[in-house]
């Protein structure tokens, strides 16, 4: 597998992966995190323009997609019912999704992000038990609660490579 920046020509496949991820979340008790319309095509196009959207490729096929950027993330400035591990510069992962039939994609994407920066923050919905377990398995610490710009609550996680 390899990671590269998402290109506009990838957009249909990327949106297909996101649509399948939304279906998977609904099937597994998490219908509210992304709802029906998130992420919007326009948002992904902006991520591509900003150079912050990445795809995971396996045997020439896109099998995963995610957003990665260096903080600060405005929704991570305030954290409630806890605290971040540190206040050092950090990378941010958002909108990570993978093709269901391919195992290990999300782990590969995380490893790639940690090669870019050793201090990573990520968040997920309280109903996304699969992601919560995935983050715990990969050594992330649940740090507290953050609120998105629309007021939605998310569980906030952080990991520092070689520490957690």
Protein backbone atom coordinates (compact mmCIF):
# COMPACT_ATOMS: atom_id res chain seq x y z
CA UNK A 1 0.00 0.00 0.00
CA UNK A 2 1.01 3.60 -0.49
CA UNK A 3 -0.34 7.04 0.37
CA UNK A 4 -0.54 10.00 -1.99
CA UNK A 5 -2.36 13.30 -2.15
CA UNK A 6 -5.90 13.01 -3.48
CA UNK A 7 -6.36 14.30 -7.02
CA UNK A 8 -9.57 15.67 -8.53
CA UNK A 9 -9.78 12.60 -10.78
CA UNK A 10 -10.12 10.49 -7.59
CA UNK A 11 -13.22 12.32 -6.41
CA UNK A 12 -15.87 9.84 -7.56
CA UNK A 13 -14.06 6.90 -5.94
CA UNK A 14 -13.41 8.91 -2.76
CA UNK A 15 -17.10 9.81 -2.48
CA UNK A 16 -18.01 6.16 -3.08
CA UNK A 17 -15.79 5.14 -0.14
CA UNK A 18 -17.37 7.83 2.05
CA UNK A 19 -20.88 6.72 1.03
CA UNK A 20 -20.04 3.13 1.91
CA UNK A 21 -18.55 4.27 5.23
CA UNK A 22 -21.78 6.12 6.08
CA UNK A 23 -23.77 2.98 5.29
CA UNK A 24 -21.42 0.91 7.47
CA UNK A 25 -21.75 3.40 10.35
CA UNK A 26 -25.56 3.28 10.14
CA UNK A 27 -25.49 -0.53 10.11
CA UNK A 28 -23.30 -0.50 13.23
CA UNK A 29 -25.29 1.84 15.46
CA UNK A 30 -23.73 5.15 14.42
CA UNK A 31 -26.27 6.91 12.17
CA UNK A 32 -25.58 10.47 13.33
CA UNK A 33 -21.82 11.07 13.01
CA UNK A 34 -21.85 11.82 9.30
CA UNK A 35 -25.58 11.65 8.59
CA UNK A 36 -26.54 11.57 4.92
CA UNK A 37 -24.68 14.60 3.57
CA UNK A 38 -21.26 14.65 5.23
CA UNK A 39 -18.66 14.97 3.96
CA UNK A 40 -19.93 17.08 1.11
CA UNK A 41 -18.24 16.80 -2.28
CA UNK A 42 -17.37 20.51 -2.09
CA UNK A 43 -15.57 20.00 1.24
CA UNK A 44 -13.45 17.20 -0.24
CA UNK A 45 -12.71 19.37 -3.27
CA UNK A 46 -11.48 22.09 -0.90
CA UNK A 47 -9.37 19.53 1.00
CA UNK A 48 -7.81 18.50 -2.32
CA UNK A 49 -7.16 22.14 -3.29
CA UNK A 50 -5.53 22.72 0.11
CA UNK A 51 -3.35 19.60 -0.23
CA UNK A 52 -4.86 18.04 2.91
CA UNK A 53 -6.73 15.06 1.44
CA UNK A 54 -4.91 11.77 0.98
CA UNK A 55 -5.77 8.41 -0.52
CA UNK A 56 -4.44 4.97 0.27
CA UNK A 57 -3.68 2.91 -2.83
CA UNK A 58 -3.42 -0.88 -2.99
CA UNK A 59 -2.72 -2.68 -6.27
CA UNK A 60 -3.54 0.52 -8.15
CA UNK A 61 -6.94 0.92 -6.48
CA UNK A 62 -8.05 3.55 -3.98
CA UNK A 63 -8.94 1.69 -0.78
CA UNK A 64 -8.92 4.52 1.76
CA UNK A 65 -9.15 8.26 2.20
CA UNK A 66 -8.41 10.72 5.00
CA UNK A 67 -7.68 14.35 5.84
CA UNK A 68 -4.33 15.17 7.46
CA UNK A 69 -3.03 18.58 8.47
CA UNK A 70 -0.91 20.18 11.12
CA UNK A 71 -2.82 21.85 13.94
CA UNK A 72 -3.99 23.92 15.52
CA UNK A 73 -7.48 22.74 14.73
CA UNK A 74 -10.03 25.36 15.86
CA UNK A 75 -12.31 22.71 17.36
CA UNK A 76 -9.45 21.39 19.50
CA UNK A 77 -8.63 24.70 21.21
CA UNK A 78 -11.06 24.01 24.06
CA UNK A 79 -11.42 20.55 25.53
CA UNK A 80 -13.94 19.66 28.21
CA UNK A 81 -14.03 16.95 30.87
CA UNK A 82 -10.32 16.31 30.46
CA UNK A 83 -7.17 17.71 28.89
CA UNK A 84 -4.81 17.04 26.02
CA UNK A 85 -1.66 15.05 26.76
CA UNK A 86 0.43 18.09 25.83
CA UNK A 87 0.24 21.46 24.10
CA UNK A 88 3.00 20.72 21.59
CA UNK A 89 2.44 21.02 17.83
CA UNK A 90 0.25 18.19 16.55
CA UNK A 91 -1.12 16.59 13.43
CA UNK A 92 -4.86 16.20 12.90
CA UNK A 93 -6.67 13.33 11.21
CA UNK A 94 -10.26 13.80 10.04
CA UNK A 95 -12.65 11.95 7.73
CA UNK A 96 -10.76 8.64 7.64
CA UNK A 97 -12.60 5.90 5.76
CA UNK A 98 -11.65 2.69 4.02
CA UNK A 99 -13.09 0.15 1.63
CA UNK A 100 -14.75 -2.61 3.65
CA UNK A 101 -13.22 -5.47 1.72
CA UNK A 102 -9.64 -4.38 2.43
CA UNK A 103 -8.23 -4.96 5.91
CA UNK A 104 -5.49 -2.87 7.49
CA UNK A 105 -6.08 0.32 5.52
CA UNK A 106 -6.88 2.59 8.48
CA UNK A 107 -3.86 1.25 10.40
CA UNK A 108 -1.63 1.91 7.40
CA UNK A 109 -2.98 5.47 7.16
CA UNK A 110 -2.33 6.08 10.87
CA UNK A 111 1.23 4.78 10.55
CA UNK A 112 1.81 7.13 7.60
CA UNK A 113 0.55 10.10 9.64
CA UNK A 114 2.87 9.23 12.53
CA UNK A 115 5.81 9.18 10.11
CA UNK A 116 4.87 12.75 9.19
CA UNK A 117 4.44 13.93 12.79
CA UNK A 118 4.71 12.03 16.11
CA UNK A 119 1.94 13.86 17.98
CA UNK A 120 -1.57 13.19 16.58
CA UNK A 121 -5.07 14.25 17.61
CA UNK A 122 -8.31 12.78 16.29
CA UNK A 123 -11.96 12.74 17.34
CA UNK A 124 -14.99 10.54 16.86
CA UNK A 125 -18.67 10.34 17.72
CA UNK A 126 -19.82 8.72 20.97
CA UNK A 127 -21.80 6.16 18.94
CA UNK A 128 -18.79 5.15 16.83
CA UNK A 129 -17.72 2.25 19.03
CA UNK A 130 -15.73 0.68 16.20
CA UNK A 131 -13.53 3.78 15.86
CA UNK A 132 -13.21 4.14 19.64
CA UNK A 133 -11.95 0.55 19.88
CA UNK A 134 -9.65 1.08 16.89
CA UNK A 135 -8.08 4.15 18.50
CA UNK A 136 -7.66 2.37 21.84
CA UNK A 137 -6.06 -0.61 20.08
CA UNK A 138 -3.59 1.77 18.43
CA UNK A 139 -2.57 3.43 21.69
CA UNK A 140 -4.62 6.61 21.57
CA UNK A 141 -5.68 8.10 24.89
CA UNK A 142 -9.19 9.47 25.30
CA UNK A 143 -8.55 13.01 26.50
CA UNK A 144 -12.00 14.58 26.83
CA UNK A 145 -14.78 16.11 24.77
CA UNK A 146 -14.60 18.72 22.02
CA UNK A 147 -17.37 20.46 20.11
CA UNK A 148 -17.47 20.92 16.35
CA UNK A 149 -18.36 24.25 14.78
CA UNK A 150 -22.01 23.14 14.54
CA UNK A 151 -22.06 22.31 18.26
CA UNK A 152 -21.89 18.53 17.83
CA UNK A 153 -20.06 16.71 20.60
CA UNK A 154 -17.07 14.48 19.84
CA UNK A 155 -14.76 12.30 21.91
CA UNK A 156 -11.21 13.64 21.64
CA UNK A 157 -8.15 11.40 21.43
CA UNK A 158 -4.41 11.95 21.27
CA UNK A 159 -1.33 9.81 20.85
CA UNK A 160 2.34 10.65 20.96
CA UNK A 161 4.41 8.09 19.06
CA UNK A 162 6.74 5.99 21.21
CA UNK A 163 5.03 7.19 24.40
CA UNK A 164 1.47 5.76 24.34
